[in-house]
Amino acid sequence: MNHKKQQNATLFEGLSPSQQKAVTALLGGRTVTAAAKAANVDRTTIYRWLRDPYDPAFRNALDQGRQELQAALKTRLLGLANNATDCLEG
């Protein structure tokens, strides 16, 4: 299994297919309303998943996904800054 599929399997562990679709949509920058439509649920369902103290899997998946995105963006920005510095010095 490649690294990306392995990350998604871990990220989505314990989530229903609707929750997986909602997390994917939210991580893609979509609104709660758009994510709910993508997951074929009402938007109040997503809010309930976010605050459910007995089943934190959805909130945890969203938090983990956001952390992974933030780390990837930071790495990309550092690479771009390095390239820009090389151009200015060259």
C-alpha atoms as a PDB file:
ATOM      1  CA  MET A   1       0.000   0.000   0.000  1.00  0.00           C
ATOM      2  CA  ASN A   2       1.435   3.380  -0.919  1.00  0.00           C
ATOM      3  CA  HIS A   3       2.064   6.082   1.678  1.00  0.00           C
ATOM      4  CA  LYS A   4      -0.949   8.252   0.717  1.00  0.00           C
ATOM      5  CA  LYS A   5      -3.398   5.332   0.898  1.00  0.00           C
ATOM      6  CA  GLN A   6      -1.899   4.283   4.213  1.00  0.00           C
ATOM      7  CA  GLN A   7      -2.366   7.816   5.611  1.00  0.00           C
ATOM      8  CA  ASN A   8      -5.981   7.905   4.448  1.00  0.00           C
ATOM      9  CA  ALA A   9      -6.674   4.477   5.947  1.00  0.00           C
ATOM     10  CA  THR A  10      -5.384   5.724   9.305  1.00  0.00           C
ATOM     11  CA  LEU A  11      -7.157   9.068   8.990  1.00  0.00           C
ATOM     12  CA  PHE A  12     -10.493   7.427   8.167  1.00  0.00           C
ATOM     13  CA  GLU A  13     -10.242   4.604  10.698  1.00  0.00           C
ATOM     14  CA  GLY A  14     -13.546   4.198  12.511  1.00  0.00           C
ATOM     15  CA  LEU A  15     -15.451   6.590  10.239  1.00  0.00           C
ATOM     16  CA  SER A  16     -18.535   5.797   8.173  1.00  0.00           C
ATOM     17  CA  PRO A  17     -18.395   6.415   4.404  1.00  0.00           C
ATOM     18  CA  SER A  18     -20.466   9.601   4.919  1.00  0.00           C
ATOM     19  CA  GLN A  19     -18.054  10.835   7.567  1.00  0.00           C
ATOM     20  CA  GLN A  20     -15.101  10.087   5.276  1.00  0.00           C
ATOM     21  CA  LYS A  21     -16.678  12.152   2.498  1.00  0.00           C
ATOM     22  CA  ALA A  22     -17.399  15.000   4.914  1.00  0.00           C
ATOM     23  CA  VAL A  23     -13.822  15.030   6.272  1.00  0.00           C
ATOM     24  CA  THR A  24     -12.417  14.992   2.747  1.00  0.00           C
ATOM     25  CA  ALA A  25     -14.638  17.894   1.736  1.00  0.00           C
ATOM     26  CA  LEU A  26     -13.827  19.945   4.836  1.00  0.00           C
ATOM     27  CA  LEU A  27     -10.089  19.357   4.396  1.00  0.00           C
ATOM     28  CA  GLY A  28     -10.522  20.481   0.806  1.00  0.00           C
ATOM     29  CA  GLY A  29     -11.730  23.849   2.045  1.00  0.00           C
ATOM     30  CA  ARG A  30     -15.427  23.355   1.493  1.00  0.00           C
ATOM     31  CA  THR A  31     -18.029  24.832   3.814  1.00  0.00           C
ATOM     32  CA  VAL A  32     -19.976  22.692   6.269  1.00  0.00           C
ATOM     33  CA  THR A  33     -23.019  23.031   4.018  1.00  0.00           C
ATOM     34  CA  ALA A  34     -21.057  21.884   0.946  1.00  0.00           C
ATOM     35  CA  ALA A  35     -19.408  19.073   2.912  1.00  0.00           C
ATOM     36  CA  ALA A  36     -22.819  17.914   4.120  1.00  0.00           C
ATOM     37  CA  LYS A  37     -24.088  17.863   0.550  1.00  0.00           C
ATOM     38  CA  ALA A  38     -21.022  15.860  -0.565  1.00  0.00           C
ATOM     39  CA  ALA A  39     -21.609  13.394   2.269  1.00  0.00           C
ATOM     40  CA  ASN A  40     -25.354  13.266   1.604  1.00  0.00           C
ATOM     41  CA  VAL A  41     -26.240  14.304   5.169  1.00  0.00           C
ATOM     42  CA  ASP A  42     -27.798  17.367   6.765  1.00  0.00           C
ATOM     43  CA  ARG A  43     -25.332  20.035   7.903  1.00  0.00           C
ATOM     44  CA  THR A  44     -26.589  19.679  11.484  1.00  0.00           C
ATOM     45  CA  THR A  45     -25.281  16.104  11.358  1.00  0.00           C
ATOM     46  CA  ILE A  46     -21.771  17.386  10.716  1.00  0.00           C
ATOM     47  CA  TYR A  47     -22.041  19.787  13.654  1.00  0.00           C
ATOM     48  CA  ARG A  48     -23.233  16.880  15.823  1.00  0.00           C
ATOM     49  CA  TRP A  49     -20.263  14.753  14.674  1.00  0.00           C
ATOM     50  CA  LEU A  50     -17.917  17.601  15.583  1.00  0.00           C
ATOM     51  CA  ARG A  51     -19.168  17.922  19.150  1.00  0.00           C
ATOM     52  CA  ASP A  52     -20.094  14.308  20.026  1.00  0.00           C
ATOM     53  CA  PRO A  53     -18.162  13.557  23.254  1.00  0.00           C
ATOM     54  CA  TYR A  54     -18.874   9.815  22.995  1.00  0.00           C
ATOM     55  CA  ASP A  55     -17.512   9.390  19.486  1.00  0.00           C
ATOM     56  CA  PRO A  56     -14.585  11.745  18.844  1.00  0.00           C
ATOM     57  CA  ALA A  57     -13.404   9.864  15.717  1.00  0.00           C
ATOM     58  CA  PHE A  58     -14.787  12.459  13.276  1.00  0.00           C
ATOM     59  CA  ARG A  59     -13.304  15.437  15.100  1.00  0.00           C
ATOM     60  CA  ASN A  60     -10.011  13.589  15.569  1.00  0.00           C
ATOM     61  CA  ALA A  61      -9.827  12.712  11.861  1.00  0.00           C
ATOM     62  CA  LEU A  62     -10.481  16.322  10.911  1.00  0.00           C
ATOM     63  CA  ASP A  63      -7.857  17.578  13.371  1.00  0.00           C
ATOM     64  CA  GLN A  64      -5.294  15.024  12.174  1.00  0.00           C
ATOM     65  CA  GLY A  65      -5.996  15.873   8.548  1.00  0.00           C
ATOM     66  CA  ARG A  66      -5.562  19.574   9.250  1.00  0.00           C
ATOM     67  CA  GLN A  67      -2.240  18.918  11.003  1.00  0.00           C
ATOM     68  CA  GLU A  68      -1.022  16.849   8.050  1.00  0.00           C
ATOM     69  CA  LEU A  69      -2.076  19.554   5.588  1.00  0.00           C
ATOM     70  CA  GLN A  70      -0.361  22.214   7.674  1.00  0.00           C
ATOM     71  CA  ALA A  71       2.871  20.196   7.787  1.00  0.00           C
ATOM     72  CA  ALA A  72       2.763  19.604   4.015  1.00  0.00           C
ATOM     73  CA  LEU A  73       2.160  23.296   3.336  1.00  0.00           C
ATOM     74  CA  LYS A  74       4.978  24.294   5.653  1.00  0.00           C
ATOM     75  CA  THR A  75       7.360  21.948   3.839  1.00  0.00           C
ATOM     76  CA  ARG A  76       6.240  23.294   0.475  1.00  0.00           C
ATOM     77  CA  LEU A  77       6.614  26.917   1.587  1.00  0.00           C
ATOM     78  CA  LEU A  78      10.102  26.257   2.907  1.00  0.00           C
ATOM     79  CA  GLY A  79      11.047  24.714  -0.430  1.00  0.00           C
ATOM     80  CA  LEU A  80       9.639  27.683  -2.332  1.00  0.00           C
ATOM     81  CA  ALA A  81      11.460  30.106  -0.046  1.00  0.00           C
ATOM     82  CA  ASN A  82      14.674  28.202  -0.649  1.00  0.00           C
ATOM     83  CA  ASN A  83      14.162  28.386  -4.431  1.00  0.00           C
ATOM     84  CA  ALA A  84      13.412  32.118  -4.211  1.00  0.00           C
ATOM     85  CA  THR A  85      16.574  32.683  -2.186  1.00  0.00           C
ATOM     86  CA  ASP A  86      18.600  30.754  -4.759  1.00  0.00           C
ATOM     87  CA  CYS A  87      17.153  32.934  -7.550  1.00  0.00           C
ATOM     88  CA  LEU A  88      17.967  36.152  -5.678  1.00  0.00           C
ATOM     89  CA  GLU A  89      21.492  35.015  -4.903  1.00  0.00           C
ATOM     90  CA  GLY A  90      22.136  33.716  -8.419  1.00  0.00           C
END
